[in-house]
Amino acid sequence: MTPDDTTMSDAHTQPADEPHSDETTWYDLLGFQRDLLLVAAEVDGEELPKGLTLKDRLQDRYTDPINHGRLYTNLSDLEDEGLIESEEIDGRTNAYRVTEEGFRVLDERRDHIARAIDGGA
């Protein structure tokens, strides 16, 4: 298995203290998908980022190269979950934007991080 292979090793691992719902949570996403959602949110408000823009931003955080298959498969999965949406720019290029649902997932994670930093208060 290469580092670019998407694995399900950390997918669908939800803490026992959270009730199951049909909404996607941070814990439902693969690590790469989490990073991709974060990068897409970071560029929100700028011109609509193309997949390669997101790849370049992610590449700065990863030691191994990110191949196109891994990138676009995960973008498609995030779109299927309703966390990002794509907009066709031309016949072969899409731009991506985080949806309201995607920001909800990120906001919930921010709350968990803040509680952890504050000692669980």
PDB file of N, CA and C in Angstrom:
ATOM      1  N   MET A   1       0.845  -1.173   0.000  1.00  0.00           N
ATOM      2  CA  MET A   1       0.000   0.000   0.000  1.00  0.00           C
ATOM      3  C   MET A   1       0.888   1.233   0.000  1.00  0.00           C
ATOM      4  N   THR A   2       0.576   2.199  -0.831  1.00  0.00           N
ATOM      5  CA  THR A   2       1.361   3.418  -0.903  1.00  0.00           C
ATOM      6  C   THR A   2       0.760   4.470   0.017  1.00  0.00           C
ATOM      7  N   PRO A   3       1.520   5.510   0.379  1.00  0.00           N
ATOM      8  CA  PRO A   3       0.995   6.566   1.231  1.00  0.00           C
ATOM      9  C   PRO A   3      -0.189   7.295   0.607  1.00  0.00           C
ATOM     10  N   ASP A   4      -0.343   7.228  -0.715  1.00  0.00           N
ATOM     11  CA  ASP A   4      -1.450   7.908  -1.367  1.00  0.00           C
ATOM     12  C   ASP A   4      -2.738   7.110  -1.372  1.00  0.00           C
ATOM     13  N   ASP A   5      -2.664   5.847  -0.972  1.00  0.00           N
ATOM     14  CA  ASP A   5      -3.871   5.039  -0.927  1.00  0.00           C
ATOM     15  C   ASP A   5      -4.768   5.532   0.201  1.00  0.00           C
ATOM     16  N   THR A   6      -6.047   5.644  -0.102  1.00  0.00           N
ATOM     17  CA  THR A   6      -7.004   6.015   0.923  1.00  0.00           C
ATOM     18  C   THR A   6      -7.396   4.753   1.670  1.00  0.00           C
ATOM     19  N   THR A   7      -7.276   4.801   2.966  1.00  0.00           N
ATOM     20  CA  THR A   7      -7.656   3.645   3.767  1.00  0.00           C
ATOM     21  C   THR A   7      -8.811   4.032   4.666  1.00  0.00           C
ATOM     22  N   MET A   8      -9.510   3.052   5.115  1.00  0.00           N
ATOM     23  CA  MET A   8     -10.643   3.293   5.991  1.00  0.00           C
ATOM     24  C   MET A   8     -10.263   3.086   7.449  1.00  0.00           C
ATOM     25  N   SER A   9      -8.981   3.085   7.752  1.00  0.00           N
ATOM     26  CA  SER A   9      -8.534   2.761   9.098  1.00  0.00           C
ATOM     27  C   SER A   9      -9.074   3.708  10.152  1.00  0.00           C
ATOM     28  N   ASP A  10      -9.292   4.983   9.802  1.00  0.00           N
ATOM     29  CA  ASP A  10      -9.805   5.889  10.811  1.00  0.00           C
ATOM     30  C   ASP A  10     -11.194   6.413  10.451  1.00  0.00           C
ATOM     31  N   ALA A  11     -11.807   5.816   9.455  1.00  0.00           N
ATOM     32  CA  ALA A  11     -13.141   6.255   9.060  1.00  0.00           C
ATOM     33  C   ALA A  11     -14.194   5.667   9.988  1.00  0.00           C
ATOM     34  N   HIS A  12     -15.218   6.431  10.188  1.00  0.00           N
ATOM     35  CA  HIS A  12     -16.386   6.000  10.950  1.00  0.00           C
ATOM     36  C   HIS A  12     -16.036   5.558  12.370  1.00  0.00           C
ATOM     37  N   THR A  13     -15.102   6.244  12.970  1.00  0.00           N
ATOM     38  CA  THR A  13     -14.788   5.998  14.366  1.00  0.00           C
ATOM     39  C   THR A  13     -15.341   7.171  15.154  1.00  0.00           C
ATOM     40  N   GLN A  14     -16.466   6.970  15.750  1.00  0.00           N
ATOM     41  CA  GLN A  14     -17.155   8.022  16.456  1.00  0.00           C
ATOM     42  C   GLN A  14     -17.057   7.758  17.950  1.00  0.00           C
ATOM     43  N   PRO A  15     -16.729   8.770  18.759  1.00  0.00           N
ATOM     44  CA  PRO A  15     -16.642   8.555  20.196  1.00  0.00           C
ATOM     45  C   PRO A  15     -17.944   8.017  20.754  1.00  0.00           C
ATOM     46  N   ALA A  16     -17.833   7.178  21.766  1.00  0.00           N
ATOM     47  CA  ALA A  16     -19.007   6.535  22.354  1.00  0.00           C
ATOM     48  C   ALA A  16     -19.920   7.533  23.044  1.00  0.00           C
ATOM     49  N   ASP A  17     -19.399   8.700  23.470  1.00  0.00           N
ATOM     50  CA  ASP A  17     -20.229   9.651  24.190  1.00  0.00           C
ATOM     51  C   ASP A  17     -21.073  10.533  23.275  1.00  0.00           C
ATOM     52  N   GLU A  18     -20.950  10.361  21.968  1.00  0.00           N
ATOM     53  CA  GLU A  18     -21.759  11.138  21.042  1.00  0.00           C
ATOM     54  C   GLU A  18     -22.827  10.245  20.425  1.00  0.00           C
ATOM     55  N   PRO A  19     -24.078  10.715  20.422  1.00  0.00           N
ATOM     56  CA  PRO A  19     -25.142   9.904  19.826  1.00  0.00           C
ATOM     57  C   PRO A  19     -24.976   9.815  18.319  1.00  0.00           C
ATOM     58  N   HIS A  20     -25.419   8.712  17.743  1.00  0.00           N
ATOM     59  CA  HIS A  20     -25.345   8.533  16.297  1.00  0.00           C
ATOM     60  C   HIS A  20     -26.453   9.338  15.631  1.00  0.00           C
ATOM     61  N   SER A  21     -26.126   9.985  14.552  1.00  0.00           N
ATOM     62  CA  SER A  21     -27.127  10.706  13.773  1.00  0.00           C
ATOM     63  C   SER A  21     -26.776  10.557  12.307  1.00  0.00           C
ATOM     64  N   ASP A  22     -27.654  11.061  11.466  1.00  0.00           N
ATOM     65  CA  ASP A  22     -27.413  10.999  10.034  1.00  0.00           C
ATOM     66  C   ASP A  22     -26.494  12.123   9.562  1.00  0.00           C
ATOM     67  N   GLU A  23     -26.185  13.084  10.441  1.00  0.00           N
ATOM     68  CA  GLU A  23     -25.282  14.162  10.079  1.00  0.00           C
ATOM     69  C   GLU A  23     -23.844  13.656  10.095  1.00  0.00           C
ATOM     70  N   THR A  24     -23.070  14.131   9.155  1.00  0.00           N
ATOM     71  CA  THR A  24     -21.658  13.782   9.113  1.00  0.00           C
ATOM     72  C   THR A  24     -20.939  14.512  10.241  1.00  0.00           C
ATOM     73  N   THR A  25     -20.059  13.807  10.919  1.00  0.00           N
ATOM     74  CA  THR A  25     -19.257  14.422  11.971  1.00  0.00           C
ATOM     75  C   THR A  25     -17.791  14.390  11.567  1.00  0.00           C
ATOM     76  N   TRP A  26     -16.992  15.102  12.318  1.00  0.00           N
ATOM     77  CA  TRP A  26     -15.542  15.116  12.120  1.00  0.00           C
ATOM     78  C   TRP A  26     -14.996  13.702  12.130  1.00  0.00           C
ATOM     79  N   TYR A  27     -15.525  12.874  13.015  1.00  0.00           N
ATOM     80  CA  TYR A  27     -15.023  11.513  13.205  1.00  0.00           C
ATOM     81  C   TYR A  27     -15.424  10.568  12.070  1.00  0.00           C
ATOM     82  N   ASP A  28     -16.382  10.973  11.257  1.00  0.00           N
ATOM     83  CA  ASP A  28     -16.781  10.161  10.111  1.00  0.00           C
ATOM     84  C   ASP A  28     -15.814  10.305   8.939  1.00  0.00           C
ATOM     85  N   LEU A  29     -14.981  11.329   8.983  1.00  0.00           N
ATOM     86  CA  LEU A  29     -14.095  11.633   7.867  1.00  0.00           C
ATOM     87  C   LEU A  29     -12.723  11.003   8.049  1.00  0.00           C
ATOM     88  N   LEU A  30     -12.109  10.655   6.928  1.00  0.00           N
ATOM     89  CA  LEU A  30     -10.719  10.219   6.944  1.00  0.00           C
ATOM     90  C   LEU A  30      -9.832  11.419   7.279  1.00  0.00           C
ATOM     91  N   GLY A  31      -8.659  11.168   7.778  1.00  0.00           N
ATOM     92  CA  GLY A  31      -7.734  12.247   8.101  1.00  0.00           C
ATOM     93  C   GLY A  31      -7.459  13.156   6.913  1.00  0.00           C
ATOM     94  N   PHE A  32      -7.261  12.572   5.745  1.00  0.00           N
ATOM     95  CA  PHE A  32      -7.004  13.376   4.550  1.00  0.00           C
ATOM     96  C   PHE A  32      -8.217  14.241   4.211  1.00  0.00           C
ATOM     97  N   GLN A  33      -9.416  13.693   4.393  1.00  0.00           N
ATOM     98  CA  GLN A  33     -10.631  14.463   4.126  1.00  0.00           C
ATOM     99  C   GLN A  33     -10.757  15.630   5.111  1.00  0.00           C
ATOM    100  N   ARG A  34     -10.382  15.403   6.359  1.00  0.00           N
ATOM    101  CA  ARG A  34     -10.402  16.476   7.352  1.00  0.00           C
ATOM    102  C   ARG A  34      -9.461  17.598   6.928  1.00  0.00           C
ATOM    103  N   ASP A  35      -8.253  17.228   6.523  1.00  0.00           N
ATOM    104  CA  ASP A  35      -7.281  18.225   6.088  1.00  0.00           C
ATOM    105  C   ASP A  35      -7.772  18.971   4.852  1.00  0.00           C
ATOM    106  N   LEU A  36      -8.379  18.257   3.943  1.00  0.00           N
ATOM    107  CA  LEU A  36      -8.903  18.864   2.717  1.00  0.00           C
ATOM    108  C   LEU A  36     -10.027  19.845   3.039  1.00  0.00           C
ATOM    109  N   LEU A  37     -10.907  19.484   3.955  1.00  0.00           N
ATOM    110  CA  LEU A  37     -11.992  20.379   4.367  1.00  0.00           C
ATOM    111  C   LEU A  37     -11.424  21.628   5.034  1.00  0.00           C
ATOM    112  N   LEU A  38     -10.418  21.465   5.876  1.00  0.00           N
ATOM    113  CA  LEU A  38      -9.779  22.615   6.529  1.00  0.00           C
ATOM    114  C   LEU A  38      -9.141  23.559   5.514  1.00  0.00           C
ATOM    115  N   VAL A  39      -8.425  23.003   4.554  1.00  0.00           N
ATOM    116  CA  VAL A  39      -7.773  23.824   3.536  1.00  0.00           C
ATOM    117  C   VAL A  39      -8.819  24.554   2.698  1.00  0.00           C
ATOM    118  N   ALA A  40      -9.889  23.882   2.343  1.00  0.00           N
ATOM    119  CA  ALA A  40     -10.950  24.527   1.560  1.00  0.00           C
ATOM    120  C   ALA A  40     -11.576  25.675   2.354  1.00  0.00           C
ATOM    121  N   ALA A  41     -11.719  25.499   3.668  1.00  0.00           N
ATOM    122  CA  ALA A  41     -12.271  26.571   4.508  1.00  0.00           C
ATOM    123  C   ALA A  41     -11.292  27.740   4.621  1.00  0.00           C
ATOM    124  N   GLU A  42     -10.010  27.440   4.659  1.00  0.00           N
ATOM    125  CA  GLU A  42      -8.996  28.491   4.760  1.00  0.00           C
ATOM    126  C   GLU A  42      -9.025  29.425   3.567  1.00  0.00           C
ATOM    127  N   VAL A  43      -9.336  28.912   2.404  1.00  0.00           N
ATOM    128  CA  VAL A  43      -9.342  29.747   1.205  1.00  0.00           C
ATOM    129  C   VAL A  43     -10.722  30.310   0.902  1.00  0.00           C
ATOM    130  N   ASP A  44     -11.712  30.001   1.749  1.00  0.00           N
ATOM    131  CA  ASP A  44     -13.062  30.518   1.551  1.00  0.00           C
ATOM    132  C   ASP A  44     -13.027  32.043   1.544  1.00  0.00           C
ATOM    133  N   GLY A  45     -13.724  32.634   0.612  1.00  0.00           N
ATOM    134  CA  GLY A  45     -13.737  34.080   0.505  1.00  0.00           C
ATOM    135  C   GLY A  45     -12.759  34.596  -0.533  1.00  0.00           C
ATOM    136  N   GLU A  46     -11.751  33.796  -0.837  1.00  0.00           N
ATOM    137  CA  GLU A  46     -10.853  34.146  -1.929  1.00  0.00           C
ATOM    138  C   GLU A  46     -11.548  33.717  -3.219  1.00  0.00           C
ATOM    139  N   GLU A  47     -10.896  33.910  -4.346  1.00  0.00           N
ATOM    140  CA  GLU A  47     -11.493  33.402  -5.574  1.00  0.00           C
ATOM    141  C   GLU A  47     -11.720  31.903  -5.406  1.00  0.00           C
ATOM    142  N   LEU A  48     -12.708  31.384  -6.083  1.00  0.00           N
ATOM    143  CA  LEU A  48     -13.023  29.966  -5.932  1.00  0.00           C
ATOM    144  C   LEU A  48     -11.793  29.117  -6.217  1.00  0.00           C
ATOM    145  N   PRO A  49     -11.370  28.330  -5.232  1.00  0.00           N
ATOM    146  CA  PRO A  49     -10.152  27.538  -5.434  1.00  0.00           C
ATOM    147  C   PRO A  49     -10.395  26.311  -6.302  1.00  0.00           C
ATOM    148  N   LYS A  50      -9.500  26.098  -7.221  1.00  0.00           N
ATOM    149  CA  LYS A  50      -9.518  24.893  -8.045  1.00  0.00           C
ATOM    150  C   LYS A  50      -8.913  23.760  -7.233  1.00  0.00           C
ATOM    151  N   GLY A  51      -9.126  22.549  -7.687  1.00  0.00           N
ATOM    152  CA  GLY A  51      -8.569  21.391  -7.018  1.00  0.00           C
ATOM    153  C   GLY A  51      -7.065  21.476  -6.864  1.00  0.00           C
ATOM    154  N   LEU A  52      -6.387  21.984  -7.883  1.00  0.00           N
ATOM    155  CA  LEU A  52      -4.930  22.086  -7.806  1.00  0.00           C
ATOM    156  C   LEU A  52      -4.473  23.113  -6.772  1.00  0.00           C
ATOM    157  N   THR A  53      -5.271  24.156  -6.546  1.00  0.00           N
ATOM    158  CA  THR A  53      -4.960  25.127  -5.496  1.00  0.00           C
ATOM    159  C   THR A  53      -5.018  24.445  -4.136  1.00  0.00           C
ATOM    160  N   LEU A  54      -6.062  23.642  -3.926  1.00  0.00           N
ATOM    161  CA  LEU A  54      -6.193  22.909  -2.667  1.00  0.00           C
ATOM    162  C   LEU A  54      -5.050  21.911  -2.517  1.00  0.00           C
ATOM    163  N   LYS A  55      -4.702  21.251  -3.610  1.00  0.00           N
ATOM    164  CA  LYS A  55      -3.601  20.285  -3.584  1.00  0.00           C
ATOM    165  C   LYS A  55      -2.292  20.972  -3.197  1.00  0.00           C
ATOM    166  N   ASP A  56      -2.024  22.124  -3.774  1.00  0.00           N
ATOM    167  CA  ASP A  56      -0.792  22.852  -3.457  1.00  0.00           C
ATOM    168  C   ASP A  56      -0.742  23.232  -1.982  1.00  0.00           C
ATOM    169  N   ARG A  57      -1.859  23.667  -1.435  1.00  0.00           N
ATOM    170  CA  ARG A  57      -1.900  24.031  -0.014  1.00  0.00           C
ATOM    171  C   ARG A  57      -1.691  22.809   0.872  1.00  0.00           C
ATOM    172  N   LEU A  58      -2.280  21.691   0.482  1.00  0.00           N
ATOM    173  CA  LEU A  58      -2.102  20.455   1.250  1.00  0.00           C
ATOM    174  C   LEU A  58      -0.680  19.932   1.130  1.00  0.00           C
ATOM    175  N   GLN A  59      -0.112  20.072  -0.045  1.00  0.00           N
ATOM    176  CA  GLN A  59       1.224  19.545  -0.294  1.00  0.00           C
ATOM    177  C   GLN A  59       2.239  20.137   0.673  1.00  0.00           C
ATOM    178  N   ASP A  60       2.014  21.368   1.098  1.00  0.00           N
ATOM    179  CA  ASP A  60       2.904  22.006   2.065  1.00  0.00           C
ATOM    180  C   ASP A  60       2.859  21.313   3.430  1.00  0.00           C
ATOM    181  N   ARG A  61       1.816  20.539   3.690  1.00  0.00           N
ATOM    182  CA  ARG A  61       1.635  19.898   4.992  1.00  0.00           C
ATOM    183  C   ARG A  61       2.006  18.421   4.994  1.00  0.00           C
ATOM    184  N   TYR A  62       2.131  17.837   3.830  1.00  0.00           N
ATOM    185  CA  TYR A  62       2.417  16.409   3.700  1.00  0.00           C
ATOM    186  C   TYR A  62       3.834  16.207   3.183  1.00  0.00           C
ATOM    187  N   THR A  63       4.480  15.164   3.651  1.00  0.00           N
ATOM    188  CA  THR A  63       5.835  14.884   3.176  1.00  0.00           C
ATOM    189  C   THR A  63       5.831  14.128   1.853  1.00  0.00           C
ATOM    190  N   ASP A  64       4.829  13.287   1.632  1.00  0.00           N
ATOM    191  CA  ASP A  64       4.735  12.528   0.386  1.00  0.00           C
ATOM    192  C   ASP A  64       3.858  13.276  -0.612  1.00  0.00           C
ATOM    193  N   PRO A  65       4.135  13.111  -1.894  1.00  0.00           N
ATOM    194  CA  PRO A  65       3.314  13.763  -2.914  1.00  0.00           C
ATOM    195  C   PRO A  65       1.854  13.309  -2.842  1.00  0.00           C
ATOM    196  N   ILE A  66       0.957  14.213  -3.172  1.00  0.00           N
ATOM    197  CA  ILE A  66      -0.477  13.911  -3.215  1.00  0.00           C
ATOM    198  C   ILE A  66      -0.846  13.717  -4.677  1.00  0.00           C
ATOM    199  N   ASN A  67      -1.322  12.517  -5.009  1.00  0.00           N
ATOM    200  CA  ASN A  67      -1.667  12.287  -6.414  1.00  0.00           C
ATOM    201  C   ASN A  67      -3.089  12.771  -6.707  1.00  0.00           C
ATOM    202  N   HIS A  68      -3.359  12.988  -7.985  1.00  0.00           N
ATOM    203  CA  HIS A  68      -4.657  13.517  -8.409  1.00  0.00           C
ATOM    204  C   HIS A  68      -5.804  12.593  -8.024  1.00  0.00           C
ATOM    205  N   GLY A  69      -5.578  11.286  -8.148  1.00  0.00           N
ATOM    206  CA  GLY A  69      -6.638  10.335  -7.818  1.00  0.00           C
ATOM    207  C   GLY A  69      -7.082  10.465  -6.375  1.00  0.00           C
ATOM    208  N   ARG A  70      -6.129  10.562  -5.488  1.00  0.00           N
ATOM    209  CA  ARG A  70      -6.454  10.712  -4.057  1.00  0.00           C
ATOM    210  C   ARG A  70      -7.192  12.021  -3.811  1.00  0.00           C
ATOM    211  N   LEU A  71      -6.703  13.101  -4.405  1.00  0.00           N
ATOM    212  CA  LEU A  71      -7.310  14.409  -4.213  1.00  0.00           C
ATOM    213  C   LEU A  71      -8.759  14.429  -4.688  1.00  0.00           C
ATOM    214  N   TYR A  72      -8.970  14.052  -5.942  1.00  0.00           N
ATOM    215  CA  TYR A  72     -10.299  14.213  -6.524  1.00  0.00           C
ATOM    216  C   TYR A  72     -11.301  13.169  -6.014  1.00  0.00           C
ATOM    217  N   THR A  73     -10.831  12.001  -5.646  1.00  0.00           N
ATOM    218  CA  THR A  73     -11.723  11.017  -5.025  1.00  0.00           C
ATOM    219  C   THR A  73     -12.246  11.547  -3.699  1.00  0.00           C
ATOM    220  N   ASN A  74     -11.360  12.142  -2.910  1.00  0.00           N
ATOM    221  CA  ASN A  74     -11.770  12.667  -1.610  1.00  0.00           C
ATOM    222  C   ASN A  74     -12.613  13.933  -1.733  1.00  0.00           C
ATOM    223  N   LEU A  75     -12.318  14.775  -2.725  1.00  0.00           N
ATOM    224  CA  LEU A  75     -13.191  15.928  -2.978  1.00  0.00           C
ATOM    225  C   LEU A  75     -14.594  15.453  -3.338  1.00  0.00           C
ATOM    226  N   SER A  76     -14.682  14.429  -4.162  1.00  0.00           N
ATOM    227  CA  SER A  76     -15.974  13.867  -4.550  1.00  0.00           C
ATOM    228  C   SER A  76     -16.708  13.301  -3.330  1.00  0.00           C
ATOM    229  N   ASP A  77     -15.978  12.600  -2.460  1.00  0.00           N
ATOM    230  CA  ASP A  77     -16.591  12.054  -1.247  1.00  0.00           C
ATOM    231  C   ASP A  77     -17.115  13.168  -0.339  1.00  0.00           C
ATOM    232  N   LEU A  78     -16.350  14.239  -0.196  1.00  0.00           N
ATOM    233  CA  LEU A  78     -16.805  15.368   0.624  1.00  0.00           C
ATOM    234  C   LEU A  78     -18.022  16.040   0.005  1.00  0.00           C
ATOM    235  N   GLU A  79     -18.060  16.068  -1.302  1.00  0.00           N
ATOM    236  CA  GLU A  79     -19.231  16.632  -1.979  1.00  0.00           C
ATOM    237  C   GLU A  79     -20.448  15.731  -1.771  1.00  0.00           C
ATOM    238  N   ASP A  80     -20.246  14.419  -1.847  1.00  0.00           N
ATOM    239  CA  ASP A  80     -21.340  13.471  -1.600  1.00  0.00           C
ATOM    240  C   ASP A  80     -21.903  13.621  -0.190  1.00  0.00           C
ATOM    241  N   GLU A  81     -21.040  13.964   0.758  1.00  0.00           N
ATOM    242  CA  GLU A  81     -21.468  14.171   2.148  1.00  0.00           C
ATOM    243  C   GLU A  81     -22.105  15.537   2.356  1.00  0.00           C
ATOM    244  N   GLY A  82     -22.070  16.391   1.339  1.00  0.00           N
ATOM    245  CA  GLY A  82     -22.662  17.713   1.443  1.00  0.00           C
ATOM    246  C   GLY A  82     -21.785  18.716   2.175  1.00  0.00           C
ATOM    247  N   LEU A  83     -20.481  18.417   2.291  1.00  0.00           N
ATOM    248  CA  LEU A  83     -19.582  19.289   3.041  1.00  0.00           C
ATOM    249  C   LEU A  83     -18.887  20.321   2.165  1.00  0.00           C
ATOM    250  N   ILE A  84     -18.775  20.011   0.892  1.00  0.00           N
ATOM    251  CA  ILE A  84     -18.270  20.980  -0.074  1.00  0.00           C
ATOM    252  C   ILE A  84     -19.162  20.912  -1.305  1.00  0.00           C
ATOM    253  N   GLU A  85     -19.067  21.944  -2.123  1.00  0.00           N
ATOM    254  CA  GLU A  85     -19.778  21.931  -3.404  1.00  0.00           C
ATOM    255  C   GLU A  85     -18.800  22.372  -4.479  1.00  0.00           C
ATOM    256  N   SER A  86     -19.038  21.869  -5.660  1.00  0.00           N
ATOM    257  CA  SER A  86     -18.164  22.239  -6.769  1.00  0.00           C
ATOM    258  C   SER A  86     -18.928  23.089  -7.758  1.00  0.00           C
ATOM    259  N   GLU A  87     -18.178  23.889  -8.468  1.00  0.00           N
ATOM    260  CA  GLU A  87     -18.740  24.734  -9.513  1.00  0.00           C
ATOM    261  C   GLU A  87     -17.841  24.589 -10.728  1.00  0.00           C
ATOM    262  N   GLU A  88     -18.447  24.264 -11.851  1.00  0.00           N
ATOM    263  CA  GLU A  88     -17.660  24.090 -13.068  1.00  0.00           C
ATOM    264  C   GLU A  88     -17.193  25.440 -13.580  1.00  0.00           C
ATOM    265  N   ILE A  89     -15.898  25.533 -13.812  1.00  0.00           N
ATOM    266  CA  ILE A  89     -15.315  26.773 -14.341  1.00  0.00           C
ATOM    267  C   ILE A  89     -15.253  26.708 -15.856  1.00  0.00           C
ATOM    268  N   ASP A  90     -14.782  25.593 -16.360  1.00  0.00           N
ATOM    269  CA  ASP A  90     -14.775  25.358 -17.799  1.00  0.00           C
ATOM    270  C   ASP A  90     -15.059  23.871 -18.000  1.00  0.00           C
ATOM    271  N   GLY A  91     -14.872  23.386 -19.148  1.00  0.00           N
ATOM    272  CA  GLY A  91     -15.220  22.000 -19.441  1.00  0.00           C
ATOM    273  C   GLY A  91     -14.508  20.952 -18.607  1.00  0.00           C
ATOM    274  N   ARG A  92     -13.357  21.295 -18.021  1.00  0.00           N
ATOM    275  CA  ARG A  92     -12.627  20.281 -17.265  1.00  0.00           C
ATOM    276  C   ARG A  92     -12.121  20.737 -15.911  1.00  0.00           C
ATOM    277  N   THR A  93     -12.416  21.961 -15.508  1.00  0.00           N
ATOM    278  CA  THR A  93     -11.929  22.484 -14.242  1.00  0.00           C
ATOM    279  C   THR A  93     -13.086  22.836 -13.330  1.00  0.00           C
ATOM    280  N   ASN A  94     -12.992  22.388 -12.087  1.00  0.00           N
ATOM    281  CA  ASN A  94     -13.983  22.734 -11.074  1.00  0.00           C
ATOM    282  C   ASN A  94     -13.333  23.573  -9.990  1.00  0.00           C
ATOM    283  N   ALA A  95     -14.153  24.368  -9.341  1.00  0.00           N
ATOM    284  CA  ALA A  95     -13.731  25.092  -8.147  1.00  0.00           C
ATOM    285  C   ALA A  95     -14.569  24.559  -6.992  1.00  0.00           C
ATOM    286  N   TYR A  96     -14.055  24.693  -5.778  1.00  0.00           N
ATOM    287  CA  TYR A  96     -14.685  24.075  -4.614  1.00  0.00           C
ATOM    288  C   TYR A  96     -14.900  25.096  -3.513  1.00  0.00           C
ATOM    289  N   ARG A  97     -16.043  24.935  -2.826  1.00  0.00           N
ATOM    290  CA  ARG A  97     -16.393  25.827  -1.727  1.00  0.00           C
ATOM    291  C   ARG A  97     -16.999  24.976  -0.604  1.00  0.00           C
ATOM    292  N   VAL A  98     -16.694  25.344   0.638  1.00  0.00           N
ATOM    293  CA  VAL A  98     -17.250  24.652   1.798  1.00  0.00           C
ATOM    294  C   VAL A  98     -18.708  25.079   1.957  1.00  0.00           C
ATOM    295  N   THR A  99     -19.567  24.123   2.200  1.00  0.00           N
ATOM    296  CA  THR A  99     -20.988  24.397   2.385  1.00  0.00           C
ATOM    297  C   THR A  99     -21.274  24.782   3.837  1.00  0.00           C
ATOM    298  N   GLU A 100     -22.484  25.205   4.081  1.00  0.00           N
ATOM    299  CA  GLU A 100     -22.919  25.503   5.452  1.00  0.00           C
ATOM    300  C   GLU A 100     -22.747  24.272   6.341  1.00  0.00           C
ATOM    301  N   GLU A 101     -23.073  23.108   5.809  1.00  0.00           N
ATOM    302  CA  GLU A 101     -22.899  21.849   6.552  1.00  0.00           C
ATOM    303  C   GLU A 101     -21.419  21.593   6.852  1.00  0.00           C
ATOM    304  N   GLY A 102     -20.552  21.879   5.905  1.00  0.00           N
ATOM    305  CA  GLY A 102     -19.126  21.719   6.131  1.00  0.00           C
ATOM    306  C   GLY A 102     -18.626  22.634   7.236  1.00  0.00           C
ATOM    307  N   PHE A 103     -19.105  23.876   7.243  1.00  0.00           N
ATOM    308  CA  PHE A 103     -18.712  24.794   8.316  1.00  0.00           C
ATOM    309  C   PHE A 103     -19.286  24.352   9.662  1.00  0.00           C
ATOM    310  N   ARG A 104     -20.454  23.703   9.656  1.00  0.00           N
ATOM    311  CA  ARG A 104     -21.021  23.174  10.901  1.00  0.00           C
ATOM    312  C   ARG A 104     -20.093  22.113  11.488  1.00  0.00           C
ATOM    313  N   VAL A 105     -19.604  21.218  10.636  1.00  0.00           N
ATOM    314  CA  VAL A 105     -18.686  20.166  11.088  1.00  0.00           C
ATOM    315  C   VAL A 105     -17.410  20.786  11.659  1.00  0.00           C
ATOM    316  N   LEU A 106     -16.867  21.777  10.968  1.00  0.00           N
ATOM    317  CA  LEU A 106     -15.658  22.438  11.440  1.00  0.00           C
ATOM    318  C   LEU A 106     -15.900  23.186  12.748  1.00  0.00           C
ATOM    319  N   ASP A 107     -17.049  23.823  12.858  1.00  0.00           N
ATOM    320  CA  ASP A 107     -17.370  24.577  14.063  1.00  0.00           C
ATOM    321  C   ASP A 107     -17.509  23.659  15.274  1.00  0.00           C
ATOM    322  N   GLU A 108     -18.134  22.502  15.077  1.00  0.00           N
ATOM    323  CA  GLU A 108     -18.252  21.538  16.175  1.00  0.00           C
ATOM    324  C   GLU A 108     -16.878  21.056  16.615  1.00  0.00           C
ATOM    325  N   ARG A 109     -15.977  20.855  15.680  1.00  0.00           N
ATOM    326  CA  ARG A 109     -14.628  20.405  16.024  1.00  0.00           C
ATOM    327  C   ARG A 109     -13.880  21.490  16.788  1.00  0.00           C
ATOM    328  N   ARG A 110     -14.082  22.743  16.365  1.00  0.00           N
ATOM    329  CA  ARG A 110     -13.451  23.861  17.074  1.00  0.00           C
ATOM    330  C   ARG A 110     -13.898  23.866  18.525  1.00  0.00           C
ATOM    331  N   ASP A 111     -15.190  23.618  18.779  1.00  0.00           N
ATOM    332  CA  ASP A 111     -15.696  23.571  20.152  1.00  0.00           C
ATOM    333  C   ASP A 111     -15.039  22.451  20.947  1.00  0.00           C
ATOM    334  N   HIS A 112     -14.848  21.276  20.332  1.00  0.00           N
ATOM    335  CA  HIS A 112     -14.193  20.163  21.020  1.00  0.00           C
ATOM    336  C   HIS A 112     -12.745  20.506  21.366  1.00  0.00           C
ATOM    337  N   ILE A 113     -12.055  21.140  20.447  1.00  0.00           N
ATOM    338  CA  ILE A 113     -10.662  21.522  20.681  1.00  0.00           C
ATOM    339  C   ILE A 113     -10.582  22.548  21.807  1.00  0.00           C
ATOM    340  N   ALA A 114     -11.464  23.536  21.784  1.00  0.00           N
ATOM    341  CA  ALA A 114     -11.461  24.559  22.833  1.00  0.00           C
ATOM    342  C   ALA A 114     -11.713  23.948  24.209  1.00  0.00           C
ATOM    343  N   ARG A 115     -12.642  23.000  24.296  1.00  0.00           N
ATOM    344  CA  ARG A 115     -12.897  22.340  25.585  1.00  0.00           C
ATOM    345  C   ARG A 115     -11.672  21.563  26.037  1.00  0.00           C
ATOM    346  N   ALA A 116     -11.000  20.894  25.122  1.00  0.00           N
ATOM    347  CA  ALA A 116      -9.815  20.106  25.469  1.00  0.00           C
ATOM    348  C   ALA A 116      -8.702  21.023  25.979  1.00  0.00           C
ATOM    349  N   ILE A 117      -8.508  22.142  25.306  1.00  0.00           N
ATOM    350  CA  ILE A 117      -7.461  23.081  25.709  1.00  0.00           C
ATOM    351  C   ILE A 117      -7.784  23.705  27.062  1.00  0.00           C
ATOM    352  N   ASP A 118      -9.072  23.944  27.292  1.00  0.00           N
ATOM    353  CA  ASP A 118      -9.508  24.542  28.556  1.00  0.00           C
ATOM    354  C   ASP A 118      -9.657  23.520  29.676  1.00  0.00           C
ATOM    355  N   GLY A 119      -9.189  22.318  29.449  1.00  0.00           N
ATOM    356  CA  GLY A 119      -9.249  21.286  30.493  1.00  0.00           C
ATOM    357  C   GLY A 119     -10.609  20.648  30.640  1.00  0.00           C
ATOM    358  N   GLY A 120     -11.363  20.596  29.554  1.00  0.00           N
ATOM    359  CA  GLY A 120     -12.660  19.930  29.583  1.00  0.00           C
ATOM    360  C   GLY A 120     -13.769  20.778  30.189  1.00  0.00           C
ATOM    361  N   ALA A 121     -13.516  22.035  30.462  1.00  0.00           N
ATOM    362  CA  ALA A 121     -14.529  22.911  31.062  1.00  0.00           C
ATOM    363  C   ALA A 121     -15.649  23.191  30.095  1.00  0.00           C
TER     364      ALA A 121
END
